[in-house]
C-alpha atoms as a PDB file:
ATOM      1  CA  MET A   1       0.000   0.000   0.000  1.00  0.00           C
ATOM      2  CA  ILE A   2       1.472   3.337  -1.103  1.00  0.00           C
ATOM      3  CA  LYS A   3       1.234   5.978   1.625  1.00  0.00           C
ATOM      4  CA  ILE A   4       0.382   9.447   0.299  1.00  0.00           C
ATOM      5  CA  GLY A   5       0.961  12.764   2.058  1.00  0.00           C
ATOM      6  CA  ILE A   6      -0.663  15.976   0.842  1.00  0.00           C
ATOM      7  CA  ILE A   7       0.940  19.371   1.456  1.00  0.00           C
ATOM      8  CA  GLY A   8      -1.506  22.219   0.931  1.00  0.00           C
ATOM      9  CA  CYS A   9      -5.117  21.499   1.890  1.00  0.00           C
ATOM     10  CA  GLY A  10      -6.757  24.658   0.598  1.00  0.00           C
ATOM     11  CA  TYR A  11      -8.743  25.066  -2.633  1.00  0.00           C
ATOM     12  CA  TRP A  12      -7.453  21.954  -4.422  1.00  0.00           C
ATOM     13  CA  GLY A  13      -6.721  19.810  -1.362  1.00  0.00           C
ATOM     14  CA  PRO A  14     -10.174  18.230  -0.865  1.00  0.00           C
ATOM     15  CA  ASN A  15     -10.267  17.134  -4.525  1.00  0.00           C
ATOM     16  CA  LEU A  16      -6.871  15.471  -4.195  1.00  0.00           C
ATOM     17  CA  VAL A  17      -7.870  13.700  -0.982  1.00  0.00           C
ATOM     18  CA  ARG A  18     -11.077  12.440  -2.611  1.00  0.00           C
ATOM     19  CA  ASN A  19      -9.326  11.064  -5.669  1.00  0.00           C
ATOM     20  CA  PHE A  20      -6.383   9.405  -3.943  1.00  0.00           C
ATOM     21  CA  SER A  21      -8.728   7.898  -1.348  1.00  0.00           C
ATOM     22  CA  ASN A  22     -10.625   6.150  -4.140  1.00  0.00           C
ATOM     23  CA  ILE A  23      -7.608   4.602  -5.876  1.00  0.00           C
ATOM     24  CA  ASP A  24      -6.740   0.994  -5.102  1.00  0.00           C
ATOM     25  CA  GLY A  25      -3.258   0.444  -3.782  1.00  0.00           C
ATOM     26  CA  CYS A  26      -2.777   3.763  -2.008  1.00  0.00           C
ATOM     27  CA  ILE A  27      -3.900   5.489   1.170  1.00  0.00           C
ATOM     28  CA  VAL A  28      -3.735   9.101   2.365  1.00  0.00           C
ATOM     29  CA  THR A  29      -1.819   8.927   5.639  1.00  0.00           C
ATOM     30  CA  ALA A  30      -0.766  12.540   6.259  1.00  0.00           C
ATOM     31  CA  LEU A  31      -1.849  16.123   5.652  1.00  0.00           C
ATOM     32  CA  SER A  32       0.010  19.397   6.067  1.00  0.00           C
ATOM     33  CA  ASP A  33      -1.200  22.982   5.938  1.00  0.00           C
ATOM     34  CA  ILE A  34      -0.432  26.183   7.802  1.00  0.00           C
ATOM     35  CA  LYS A  35      -4.171  26.477   8.560  1.00  0.00           C
ATOM     36  CA  LYS A  36      -5.624  23.825  10.865  1.00  0.00           C
ATOM     37  CA  LYS A  37      -9.147  24.356   9.516  1.00  0.00           C
ATOM     38  CA  ASN A  38      -7.987  23.323   6.040  1.00  0.00           C
ATOM     39  CA  MET A  39      -6.567  20.061   7.371  1.00  0.00           C
ATOM     40  CA  ASP A  40      -9.710  19.429   9.412  1.00  0.00           C
ATOM     41  CA  LEU A  41     -11.864  19.873   6.312  1.00  0.00           C
ATOM     42  CA  CYS A  42      -9.731  17.533   4.215  1.00  0.00           C
ATOM     43  CA  SER A  43      -9.598  14.855   6.910  1.00  0.00           C
ATOM     44  CA  GLN A  44     -13.346  14.557   7.539  1.00  0.00           C
ATOM     45  CA  LYS A  45     -13.633  11.257   5.673  1.00  0.00           C
ATOM     46  CA  LEU A  46     -10.179   9.930   6.551  1.00  0.00           C
ATOM     47  CA  THR A  47      -9.272   7.653   9.438  1.00  0.00           C
ATOM     48  CA  GLY A  48      -5.954   7.621  11.241  1.00  0.00           C
ATOM     49  CA  VAL A  49      -4.509  10.459   9.189  1.00  0.00           C
ATOM     50  CA  LYS A  50      -1.653  12.467  10.725  1.00  0.00           C
ATOM     51  CA  LYS A  51      -1.662  16.266  10.551  1.00  0.00           C
ATOM     52  CA  PHE A  52       1.415  18.482  10.392  1.00  0.00           C
ATOM     53  CA  ALA A  53       1.614  22.262  10.656  1.00  0.00           C
ATOM     54  CA  ASP A  54       5.249  21.923   9.543  1.00  0.00           C
ATOM     55  CA  PHE A  55       5.428  19.857   6.357  1.00  0.00           C
ATOM     56  CA  ARG A  56       9.066  18.960   7.043  1.00  0.00           C
ATOM     57  CA  LYS A  57       8.009  16.731   9.926  1.00  0.00           C
ATOM     58  CA  MET A  58       5.812  14.760   7.528  1.00  0.00           C
ATOM     59  CA  LEU A  59       8.875  13.891   5.457  1.00  0.00           C
ATOM     60  CA  LYS A  60      10.726  12.198   8.297  1.00  0.00           C
ATOM     61  CA  GLY A  61      10.573   8.439   8.737  1.00  0.00           C
ATOM     62  CA  LYS A  62       8.059   6.244   6.946  1.00  0.00           C
ATOM     63  CA  THR A  63       4.897   8.287   7.431  1.00  0.00           C
ATOM     64  CA  VAL A  64       4.597   8.760   3.651  1.00  0.00           C
ATOM     65  CA  ASP A  65       6.054   7.130   0.539  1.00  0.00           C
ATOM     66  CA  ALA A  66       5.040   9.887  -1.867  1.00  0.00           C
ATOM     67  CA  VAL A  67       3.913  13.481  -1.546  1.00  0.00           C
ATOM     68  CA  VAL A  68       1.432  15.663  -3.405  1.00  0.00           C
ATOM     69  CA  VAL A  69       2.155  19.402  -3.268  1.00  0.00           C
ATOM     70  CA  ALA A  70      -0.794  21.783  -3.684  1.00  0.00           C
ATOM     71  CA  THR A  71       0.480  24.972  -2.056  1.00  0.00           C
ATOM     72  CA  ASN A  72       0.375  28.422  -3.623  1.00  0.00           C
ATOM     73  CA  LEU A  73       2.825  28.962  -6.469  1.00  0.00           C
ATOM     74  CA  ALA A  74       5.226  31.108  -4.444  1.00  0.00           C
ATOM     75  CA  ALA A  75       5.924  28.181  -2.094  1.00  0.00           C
ATOM     76  CA  HIS A  76       6.376  25.524  -4.790  1.00  0.00           C
ATOM     77  CA  TYR A  77      10.144  25.623  -5.079  1.00  0.00           C
ATOM     78  CA  GLU A  78      10.937  25.619  -1.357  1.00  0.00           C
ATOM     79  CA  VAL A  79       8.469  22.847  -0.542  1.00  0.00           C
ATOM     80  CA  ALA A  80       9.319  20.719  -3.590  1.00  0.00           C
ATOM     81  CA  ARG A  81      13.044  20.970  -2.926  1.00  0.00           C
ATOM     82  CA  GLU A  82      12.553  19.674   0.629  1.00  0.00           C
ATOM     83  CA  VAL A  83      10.331  16.825  -0.573  1.00  0.00           C
ATOM     84  CA  LEU A  84      12.756  15.663  -3.261  1.00  0.00           C
ATOM     85  CA  ASN A  85      15.806  15.958  -1.015  1.00  0.00           C
ATOM     86  CA  ALA A  86      13.978  13.759   1.486  1.00  0.00           C
ATOM     87  CA  GLY A  87      13.884  11.071  -1.207  1.00  0.00           C
ATOM     88  CA  LYS A  88      10.116  11.161  -1.700  1.00  0.00           C
ATOM     89  CA  ASP A  89       8.345  10.751  -5.033  1.00  0.00           C
ATOM     90  CA  MET A  90       6.268  13.836  -5.752  1.00  0.00           C
ATOM     91  CA  LEU A  91       3.299  15.120  -7.740  1.00  0.00           C
ATOM     92  CA  ILE A  92       3.164  18.920  -7.688  1.00  0.00           C
ATOM     93  CA  GLU A  93       0.339  21.091  -8.979  1.00  0.00           C
ATOM     94  CA  LYS A  94       0.908  23.214 -12.057  1.00  0.00           C
ATOM     95  CA  PRO A  95       3.010  25.126 -12.806  1.00  0.00           C
ATOM     96  CA  LEU A  96       6.131  23.472 -11.447  1.00  0.00           C
ATOM     97  CA  THR A  97       7.598  26.805 -10.303  1.00  0.00           C
ATOM     98  CA  ALA A  98       7.484  30.464 -11.330  1.00  0.00           C
ATOM     99  CA  ASP A  99      11.155  30.424 -12.342  1.00  0.00           C
ATOM    100  CA  ALA A 100      12.881  28.267 -14.958  1.00  0.00           C
ATOM    101  CA  VAL A 101      16.161  28.090 -13.037  1.00  0.00           C
ATOM    102  CA  GLU A 102      14.329  26.786  -9.965  1.00  0.00           C
ATOM    103  CA  ALA A 103      12.343  24.324 -12.088  1.00  0.00           C
ATOM    104  CA  ALA A 104      15.547  22.992 -13.656  1.00  0.00           C
ATOM    105  CA  GLU A 105      17.035  22.564 -10.190  1.00  0.00           C
ATOM    106  CA  LEU A 106      14.060  20.439  -9.098  1.00  0.00           C
ATOM    107  CA  VAL A 107      14.445  18.250 -12.182  1.00  0.00           C
ATOM    108  CA  ARG A 108      18.136  17.836 -11.351  1.00  0.00           C
ATOM    109  CA  ILE A 109      17.449  16.886  -7.719  1.00  0.00           C
ATOM    110  CA  ALA A 110      14.799  14.344  -8.747  1.00  0.00           C
ATOM    111  CA  ALA A 111      17.269  12.688 -11.117  1.00  0.00           C
ATOM    112  CA  GLN A 112      20.012  12.715  -8.493  1.00  0.00           C
ATOM    113  CA  LYS A 113      17.756  11.194  -5.835  1.00  0.00           C
ATOM    114  CA  LYS A 114      16.213   8.793  -8.370  1.00  0.00           C
ATOM    115  CA  VAL A 115      12.674   9.757  -7.421  1.00  0.00           C
ATOM    116  CA  ILE A 116       9.636  10.500  -9.564  1.00  0.00           C
ATOM    117  CA  LEU A 117       8.742  14.127 -10.231  1.00  0.00           C
ATOM    118  CA  ALA A 118       5.327  14.617 -11.836  1.00  0.00           C
ATOM    119  CA  VAL A 119       3.579  17.920 -12.533  1.00  0.00           C
ATOM    120  CA  GLY A 120      -0.195  18.351 -12.399  1.00  0.00           C
ATOM    121  CA  HIS A 121      -0.942  19.562 -15.906  1.00  0.00           C
ATOM    122  CA  THR A 122      -4.396  18.062 -15.620  1.00  0.00           C
ATOM    123  CA  PHE A 123      -5.509  18.636 -19.200  1.00  0.00           C
ATOM    124  CA  LEU A 124      -2.974  16.114 -20.450  1.00  0.00           C
ATOM    125  CA  PHE A 125      -5.220  13.544 -18.749  1.00  0.00           C
ATOM    126  CA  ASN A 126      -8.419  14.871 -20.299  1.00  0.00           C
ATOM    127  CA  LYS A 127      -9.968  12.235 -22.586  1.00  0.00           C
ATOM    128  CA  GLY A 128     -10.871  14.897 -25.128  1.00  0.00           C
ATOM    129  CA  ILE A 129      -7.285  16.143 -25.354  1.00  0.00           C
ATOM    130  CA  GLU A 130      -6.051  12.552 -25.602  1.00  0.00           C
ATOM    131  CA  GLU A 131      -8.395  12.019 -28.566  1.00  0.00           C
ATOM    132  CA  ILE A 132      -7.221  15.229 -30.244  1.00  0.00           C
ATOM    133  CA  LYS A 133      -3.607  14.115 -29.851  1.00  0.00           C
ATOM    134  CA  LYS A 134      -4.458  10.948 -31.793  1.00  0.00           C
ATOM    135  CA  TYR A 135      -6.078  12.960 -34.594  1.00  0.00           C
ATOM    136  CA  ILE A 136      -3.042  15.214 -34.929  1.00  0.00           C
ATOM    137  CA  SER A 137      -0.503  12.384 -34.712  1.00  0.00           C
ATOM    138  CA  SER A 138      -2.356  10.363 -37.370  1.00  0.00           C
ATOM    139  CA  ARG A 139      -2.614  13.485 -39.560  1.00  0.00           C
ATOM    140  CA  LYS A 140      -6.375  13.060 -39.909  1.00  0.00           C
ATOM    141  CA  LEU A 141      -6.599  16.842 -39.816  1.00  0.00           C
ATOM    142  CA  GLY A 142      -3.821  17.097 -42.379  1.00  0.00           C
ATOM    143  CA  LYS A 143      -0.899  19.398 -41.762  1.00  0.00           C
ATOM    144  CA  LEU A 144      -1.343  21.334 -38.528  1.00  0.00           C
ATOM    145  CA  LEU A 145      -1.634  25.065 -39.253  1.00  0.00           C
ATOM    146  CA  TYR A 146      -2.658  26.818 -36.057  1.00  0.00           C
ATOM    147  CA  MET A 147      -4.412  26.456 -32.688  1.00  0.00           C
ATOM    148  CA  HIS A 148      -6.501  28.997 -30.809  1.00  0.00           C
ATOM    149  CA  ALA A 149      -7.531  28.614 -27.162  1.00  0.00           C
ATOM    150  CA  VAL A 150     -10.013  30.695 -25.167  1.00  0.00           C
ATOM    151  CA  ARG A 151     -10.123  30.314 -21.381  1.00  0.00           C
ATOM    152  CA  THR A 152     -12.290  32.927 -19.682  1.00  0.00           C
ATOM    153  CA  ASN A 153     -14.606  33.442 -16.728  1.00  0.00           C
ATOM    154  CA  LEU A 154     -15.519  36.046 -14.134  1.00  0.00           C
ATOM    155  CA  GLY A 155     -12.988  34.920 -11.529  1.00  0.00           C
ATOM    156  CA  PRO A 156     -11.851  33.196  -9.476  1.00  0.00           C
ATOM    157  CA  ILE A 157      -9.224  35.907  -9.111  1.00  0.00           C
ATOM    158  CA  ARG A 158      -5.942  34.735  -7.633  1.00  0.00           C
ATOM    159  CA  ARG A 159      -3.861  36.872  -5.288  1.00  0.00           C
ATOM    160  CA  ASP A 160      -0.620  34.935  -5.612  1.00  0.00           C
ATOM    161  CA  THR A 161      -0.216  34.973  -9.401  1.00  0.00           C
ATOM    162  CA  ASN A 162      -1.631  36.373 -12.659  1.00  0.00           C
ATOM    163  CA  ALA A 163      -3.853  35.017 -15.430  1.00  0.00           C
ATOM    164  CA  LEU A 164      -0.824  33.897 -17.449  1.00  0.00           C
ATOM    165  CA  TRP A 165       0.499  31.523 -14.787  1.00  0.00           C
ATOM    166  CA  ASP A 166      -2.948  30.524 -13.512  1.00  0.00           C
ATOM    167  CA  LEU A 167      -5.045  30.110 -16.672  1.00  0.00           C
ATOM    168  CA  ALA A 168      -2.844  30.251 -19.766  1.00  0.00           C
ATOM    169  CA  THR A 169      -0.555  27.589 -18.304  1.00  0.00           C
ATOM    170  CA  HIS A 170      -3.285  25.046 -19.128  1.00  0.00           C
ATOM    171  CA  ASP A 171      -3.299  25.913 -22.809  1.00  0.00           C
ATOM    172  CA  VAL A 172       0.470  26.207 -23.043  1.00  0.00           C
ATOM    173  CA  SER A 173       0.743  22.658 -21.690  1.00  0.00           C
ATOM    174  CA  ILE A 174      -1.925  21.473 -24.143  1.00  0.00           C
ATOM    175  CA  PHE A 175      -0.100  23.062 -27.095  1.00  0.00           C
ATOM    176  CA  LEU A 176       3.255  21.535 -26.133  1.00  0.00           C
ATOM    177  CA  TYR A 177       1.617  18.127 -25.741  1.00  0.00           C
ATOM    178  CA  LEU A 178      -0.269  18.279 -29.044  1.00  0.00           C
ATOM    179  CA  VAL A 179       2.603  19.642 -31.133  1.00  0.00           C
ATOM    180  CA  GLY A 180       5.249  17.539 -29.406  1.00  0.00           C
ATOM    181  CA  ALA A 181       7.815  20.327 -29.613  1.00  0.00           C
ATOM    182  CA  MET A 182       8.863  23.541 -27.908  1.00  0.00           C
ATOM    183  CA  PRO A 183       7.980  26.883 -29.510  1.00  0.00           C
ATOM    184  CA  LEU A 184      10.837  28.818 -31.039  1.00  0.00           C
ATOM    185  CA  SER A 185       9.537  32.129 -29.746  1.00  0.00           C
ATOM    186  CA  VAL A 186       6.722  33.618 -27.673  1.00  0.00           C
ATOM    187  CA  SER A 187       5.073  37.026 -27.567  1.00  0.00           C
ATOM    188  CA  ALA A 188       2.454  38.233 -25.105  1.00  0.00           C
ATOM    189  CA  THR A 189       0.478  41.262 -24.030  1.00  0.00           C
ATOM    190  CA  GLY A 190      -1.820  41.691 -21.072  1.00  0.00           C
ATOM    191  CA  GLY A 191      -3.776  44.082 -18.923  1.00  0.00           C
ATOM    192  CA  ALA A 192      -3.862  44.571 -15.151  1.00  0.00           C
ATOM    193  CA  PHE A 193      -7.253  46.160 -14.599  1.00  0.00           C
ATOM    194  CA  ILE A 194      -7.957  45.015 -11.035  1.00  0.00           C
ATOM    195  CA  LYS A 195      -4.561  45.272  -9.375  1.00  0.00           C
ATOM    196  CA  LYS A 196      -1.525  47.034 -10.766  1.00  0.00           C
ATOM    197  CA  GLY A 197       1.227  44.643 -11.795  1.00  0.00           C
ATOM    198  CA  ARG A 198      -0.966  41.531 -11.807  1.00  0.00           C
ATOM    199  CA  GLU A 199      -2.380  40.810 -15.260  1.00  0.00           C
ATOM    200  CA  ASP A 200      -5.969  39.586 -15.246  1.00  0.00           C
ATOM    201  CA  VAL A 201      -6.212  39.262 -19.028  1.00  0.00           C
ATOM    202  CA  VAL A 202      -3.472  37.941 -21.333  1.00  0.00           C
ATOM    203  CA  PHE A 203      -2.967  37.271 -25.035  1.00  0.00           C
ATOM    204  CA  VAL A 204      -0.143  34.852 -25.833  1.00  0.00           C
ATOM    205  CA  THR A 205       1.226  33.716 -29.208  1.00  0.00           C
ATOM    206  CA  LEU A 206       3.554  30.731 -29.556  1.00  0.00           C
ATOM    207  CA  ASN A 207       5.525  30.165 -32.770  1.00  0.00           C
ATOM    208  CA  PHE A 208       6.407  26.503 -33.275  1.00  0.00           C
ATOM    209  CA  PRO A 209       8.760  24.831 -35.767  1.00  0.00           C
ATOM    210  CA  GLY A 210       7.203  24.323 -39.185  1.00  0.00           C
ATOM    211  CA  GLY A 211       5.203  27.539 -38.992  1.00  0.00           C
ATOM    212  CA  VAL A 212       2.567  26.225 -36.568  1.00  0.00           C
ATOM    213  CA  ILE A 213       1.035  29.000 -34.461  1.00  0.00           C
ATOM    214  CA  GLY A 214      -0.624  28.673 -31.070  1.00  0.00           C
ATOM    215  CA  ASN A 215      -2.677  31.531 -29.645  1.00  0.00           C
ATOM    216  CA  VAL A 216      -4.106  31.807 -26.123  1.00  0.00           C
ATOM    217  CA  TYR A 217      -6.656  34.274 -24.780  1.00  0.00           C
ATOM    218  CA  ALA A 218      -7.136  33.960 -21.023  1.00  0.00           C
ATOM    219  CA  SER A 219      -9.067  36.247 -18.692  1.00  0.00           C
ATOM    220  CA  TRP A 220     -10.559  36.514 -15.217  1.00  0.00           C
ATOM    221  CA  LEU A 221     -12.804  39.376 -16.400  1.00  0.00           C
ATOM    222  CA  GLU A 222     -15.288  37.803 -18.821  1.00  0.00           C
ATOM    223  CA  PRO A 223     -19.035  37.527 -18.112  1.00  0.00           C
ATOM    224  CA  SER A 224     -19.219  33.919 -19.292  1.00  0.00           C
ATOM    225  CA  LYS A 225     -17.161  30.799 -18.738  1.00  0.00           C
ATOM    226  CA  VAL A 226     -15.504  29.578 -21.932  1.00  0.00           C
ATOM    227  CA  ARG A 227     -13.109  26.652 -22.309  1.00  0.00           C
ATOM    228  CA  ARG A 228     -12.700  26.232 -26.058  1.00  0.00           C
ATOM    229  CA  LEU A 229      -9.881  25.036 -28.284  1.00  0.00           C
ATOM    230  CA  THR A 230      -9.943  25.402 -32.078  1.00  0.00           C
ATOM    231  CA  ILE A 231      -7.456  23.470 -34.198  1.00  0.00           C
ATOM    232  CA  ILE A 232      -7.035  24.122 -37.906  1.00  0.00           C
ATOM    233  CA  GLY A 233      -5.406  21.639 -40.272  1.00  0.00           C
ATOM    234  CA  ASP A 234      -5.110  21.896 -44.039  1.00  0.00           C
ATOM    235  CA  LYS A 235      -7.626  19.046 -44.477  1.00  0.00           C
ATOM    236  CA  LYS A 236      -9.991  19.283 -41.518  1.00  0.00           C
ATOM    237  CA  MET A 237     -10.787  21.507 -38.554  1.00  0.00           C
ATOM    238  CA  LEU A 238     -11.644  20.651 -34.957  1.00  0.00           C
ATOM    239  CA  ILE A 239     -13.327  22.405 -32.048  1.00  0.00           C
ATOM    240  CA  PHE A 240     -13.050  21.132 -28.473  1.00  0.00           C
ATOM    241  CA  ASP A 241     -15.463  22.548 -25.901  1.00  0.00           C
ATOM    242  CA  ASP A 242     -14.441  21.370 -22.449  1.00  0.00           C
ATOM    243  CA  ILE A 243     -17.701  22.604 -20.930  1.00  0.00           C
ATOM    244  CA  ASP A 244     -19.799  20.419 -23.250  1.00  0.00           C
ATOM    245  CA  ASN A 245     -20.034  17.059 -21.470  1.00  0.00           C
ATOM    246  CA  ILE A 246     -22.142  15.462 -24.221  1.00  0.00           C
ATOM    247  CA  GLU A 247     -20.406  16.383 -27.479  1.00  0.00           C
ATOM    248  CA  PRO A 248     -17.054  17.957 -26.515  1.00  0.00           C
ATOM    249  CA  ILE A 249     -15.359  17.399 -29.891  1.00  0.00           C
ATOM    250  CA  ARG A 250     -16.617  18.368 -33.331  1.00  0.00           C
ATOM    251  CA  ILE A 251     -14.553  17.645 -36.434  1.00  0.00           C
ATOM    252  CA  TYR A 252     -15.367  19.729 -39.498  1.00  0.00           C
ATOM    253  CA  ASP A 253     -14.544  18.330 -42.916  1.00  0.00           C
ATOM    254  CA  LYS A 254     -13.784  21.811 -44.187  1.00  0.00           C
ATOM    255  CA  SER A 255     -10.744  23.325 -45.849  1.00  0.00           C
ATOM    256  CA  VAL A 256      -9.482  25.715 -48.485  1.00  0.00           C
ATOM    257  CA  VAL A 257      -8.187  23.888 -51.579  1.00  0.00           C
ATOM    258  CA  LYS A 258      -5.873  25.377 -54.185  1.00  0.00           C
ATOM    259  CA  ASP A 259      -7.049  24.507 -57.687  1.00  0.00           C
ATOM    260  CA  LYS A 260      -4.280  23.709 -60.154  1.00  0.00           C
ATOM    261  CA  LYS A 261      -5.843  26.156 -62.590  1.00  0.00           C
ATOM    262  CA  TYR A 262      -4.714  29.770 -62.350  1.00  0.00           C
ATOM    263  CA  ASP A 263      -6.961  32.814 -62.512  1.00  0.00           C
ATOM    264  CA  ASP A 264      -6.308  35.839 -64.717  1.00  0.00           C
ATOM    265  CA  PHE A 265      -3.798  37.243 -62.227  1.00  0.00           C
ATOM    266  CA  GLY A 266      -1.590  34.160 -62.214  1.00  0.00           C
ATOM    267  CA  GLU A 267      -2.752  33.007 -58.787  1.00  0.00           C
ATOM    268  CA  PHE A 268      -4.293  29.714 -57.703  1.00  0.00           C
ATOM    269  CA  GLN A 269      -8.049  29.470 -57.763  1.00  0.00           C
ATOM    270  CA  LEU A 270      -9.196  28.837 -54.183  1.00  0.00           C
ATOM    271  CA  ILE A 271     -12.018  26.407 -53.532  1.00  0.00           C
ATOM    272  CA  LEU A 272     -13.834  26.417 -50.184  1.00  0.00           C
ATOM    273  CA  ARG A 273     -14.581  22.791 -49.345  1.00  0.00           C
ATOM    274  CA  ASP A 274     -17.481  22.244 -46.933  1.00  0.00           C
ATOM    275  CA  GLY A 275     -18.138  18.646 -45.832  1.00  0.00           C
ATOM    276  CA  ASP A 276     -19.724  16.803 -42.932  1.00  0.00           C
ATOM    277  CA  VAL A 277     -19.369  17.400 -39.216  1.00  0.00           C
ATOM    278  CA  THR A 278     -18.253  14.370 -37.202  1.00  0.00           C
ATOM    279  CA  ILE A 279     -18.862  14.066 -33.467  1.00  0.00           C
ATOM    280  CA  PRO A 280     -16.706  11.264 -32.039  1.00  0.00           C
ATOM    281  CA  LYS A 281     -17.918   9.431 -28.963  1.00  0.00           C
ATOM    282  CA  ILE A 282     -15.705  10.223 -25.987  1.00  0.00           C
ATOM    283  CA  ARG A 283     -15.801   8.253 -22.749  1.00  0.00           C
ATOM    284  CA  LEU A 284     -15.436  11.120 -20.337  1.00  0.00           C
ATOM    285  CA  ALA A 285     -13.754  10.720 -16.957  1.00  0.00           C
ATOM    286  CA  GLU A 286     -12.569  13.230 -14.390  1.00  0.00           C
ATOM    287  CA  PRO A 287      -9.121  14.421 -15.577  1.00  0.00           C
ATOM    288  CA  LEU A 288      -7.865  14.832 -12.003  1.00  0.00           C
ATOM    289  CA  LYS A 289      -8.796  11.228 -11.279  1.00  0.00           C
ATOM    290  CA  ASN A 290      -6.840  10.126 -14.356  1.00  0.00           C
ATOM    291  CA  GLU A 291      -3.881  12.275 -13.278  1.00  0.00           C
ATOM    292  CA  CYS A 292      -3.823  10.800  -9.767  1.00  0.00           C
ATOM    293  CA  GLN A 293      -4.172   7.274 -11.148  1.00  0.00           C
ATOM    294  CA  ALA A 294      -1.301   7.869 -13.586  1.00  0.00           C
ATOM    295  CA  PHE A 295       0.901   9.057 -10.722  1.00  0.00           C
ATOM    296  CA  ILE A 296       0.174   5.925  -8.693  1.00  0.00           C
ATOM    297  CA  GLU A 297       0.826   3.704 -11.721  1.00  0.00           C
ATOM    298  CA  SER A 298       4.172   5.425 -12.272  1.00  0.00           C
ATOM    299  CA  LEU A 299       5.077   4.715  -8.631  1.00  0.00           C
ATOM    300  CA  LYS A 300       4.304   1.059  -9.281  1.00  0.00           C
ATOM    301  CA  GLY A 301       6.553   1.143 -12.347  1.00  0.00           C
ATOM    302  CA  ASN A 302       3.683   0.501 -14.746  1.00  0.00           C
ATOM    303  CA  ASN A 303       4.088   3.619 -16.867  1.00  0.00           C
ATOM    304  CA  LYS A 304       6.083   6.801 -17.433  1.00  0.00           C
ATOM    305  CA  ASN A 305       4.124   9.900 -16.529  1.00  0.00           C
ATOM    306  CA  ILE A 306       3.577  12.078 -19.610  1.00  0.00           C
ATOM    307  CA  SER A 307       3.599  15.179 -17.396  1.00  0.00           C
ATOM    308  CA  ASP A 308       6.986  14.630 -15.782  1.00  0.00           C
ATOM    309  CA  GLY A 309       9.437  17.154 -14.387  1.00  0.00           C
ATOM    310  CA  LEU A 310      11.044  17.833 -17.760  1.00  0.00           C
ATOM    311  CA  PHE A 311       7.670  18.610 -19.329  1.00  0.00           C
ATOM    312  CA  GLY A 312       6.854  20.861 -16.391  1.00  0.00           C
ATOM    313  CA  LEU A 313      10.161  22.665 -16.903  1.00  0.00           C
ATOM    314  CA  GLN A 314       9.351  23.223 -20.583  1.00  0.00           C
ATOM    315  CA  VAL A 315       6.021  24.816 -19.668  1.00  0.00           C
ATOM    316  CA  VAL A 316       7.742  27.121 -17.170  1.00  0.00           C
ATOM    317  CA  ARG A 317      10.262  28.200 -19.813  1.00  0.00           C
ATOM    318  CA  VAL A 318       7.441  29.196 -22.159  1.00  0.00           C
ATOM    319  CA  LEU A 319       5.532  31.039 -19.423  1.00  0.00           C
ATOM    320  CA  GLU A 320       8.679  32.838 -18.320  1.00  0.00           C
ATOM    321  CA  ALA A 321       9.338  34.001 -21.895  1.00  0.00           C
ATOM    322  CA  ALA A 322       5.720  35.175 -22.163  1.00  0.00           C
ATOM    323  CA  GLN A 323       6.023  37.096 -18.887  1.00  0.00           C
ATOM    324  CA  LYS A 324       9.177  38.833 -20.138  1.00  0.00           C
ATOM    325  CA  SER A 325       7.419  39.669 -23.398  1.00  0.00           C
ATOM    326  CA  MET A 326       4.518  41.298 -21.531  1.00  0.00           C
ATOM    327  CA  LYS A 327       6.911  43.408 -19.474  1.00  0.00           C
ATOM    328  CA  ASN A 328       8.620  44.544 -22.679  1.00  0.00           C
ATOM    329  CA  GLY A 329       5.548  45.660 -24.590  1.00  0.00           C
ATOM    330  CA  GLY A 330       4.839  42.379 -26.364  1.00  0.00           C
ATOM    331  CA  VAL A 331       8.198  41.987 -28.085  1.00  0.00           C
ATOM    332  CA  SER A 332       8.923  38.449 -29.295  1.00  0.00           C
ATOM    333  CA  MET A 333      11.114  36.420 -26.959  1.00  0.00           C
ATOM    334  CA  ASP A 334      13.140  33.341 -27.865  1.00  0.00           C
ATOM    335  CA  VAL A 335      12.340  30.346 -25.678  1.00  0.00           C
ATOM    336  CA  LYS A 336      15.486  29.027 -24.028  1.00  0.00           C
END
């Protein structure tokens, strides 16, 4: 039985406790939070769980085999470093850190200690995104041209970070997963309308090898909740609506075709091709449940987590470049 400890029992903590408690082969044995009321709330349906105001005490001895970190972003590096140096496998909520140098250091420590480092980019475990990955990899959409993501709502407004690191991180991780490569450059603009210096709306453009473009619009200041991804190929087009639990994916057999015949100006004749709309059947499951299950399976040696420390580091590098771009008026930044 794998013993799980959870550090950070606030907003996301109860969901983590619920999911790990329902997975065969593991048990939540310890909780840690600076607020006792958060631990009390998370432990309501647990028996024999130990509670620690100081997370470092949780790491001593054999109280836990693996740790899940769900603190605020500012504490990620310090907490994660302690967990890894204690020789514990770890799943940490997204993003890995707010600094690429710190993220790289965590990846290095995990390799040195020979422990698993997984990052909670939950959308990689979304069945809809998994299906889209198959369509792109099999080239059923043709050559990938561009992707456009919209992630908006009225709140919740975070105090510890901005909309780039809170919301856009989801779509950055999705783009990296779907394309299977890092962008060459990133540009971003944003607005801080609620609190100076903390962007609540961001526009991010990623330029990938081969001319593929990824665009993200994320905001805490929209009247309606939207979670939509549009993917355009040169043969077909796809729209993924994460809020639609019945028909989340629609594939449009539409494209623009260049006729071999030229017009009077020596240019290709363009034909707009409009075909059927296909709605694939998706067996939906809670992405967080899939993420937690994948972490446990990786601890058992049954699989390699697709959202590992290296992937988490890549996401941080993109976000860091986007942040620098915003602070420099939207100038394009190379991703290093």
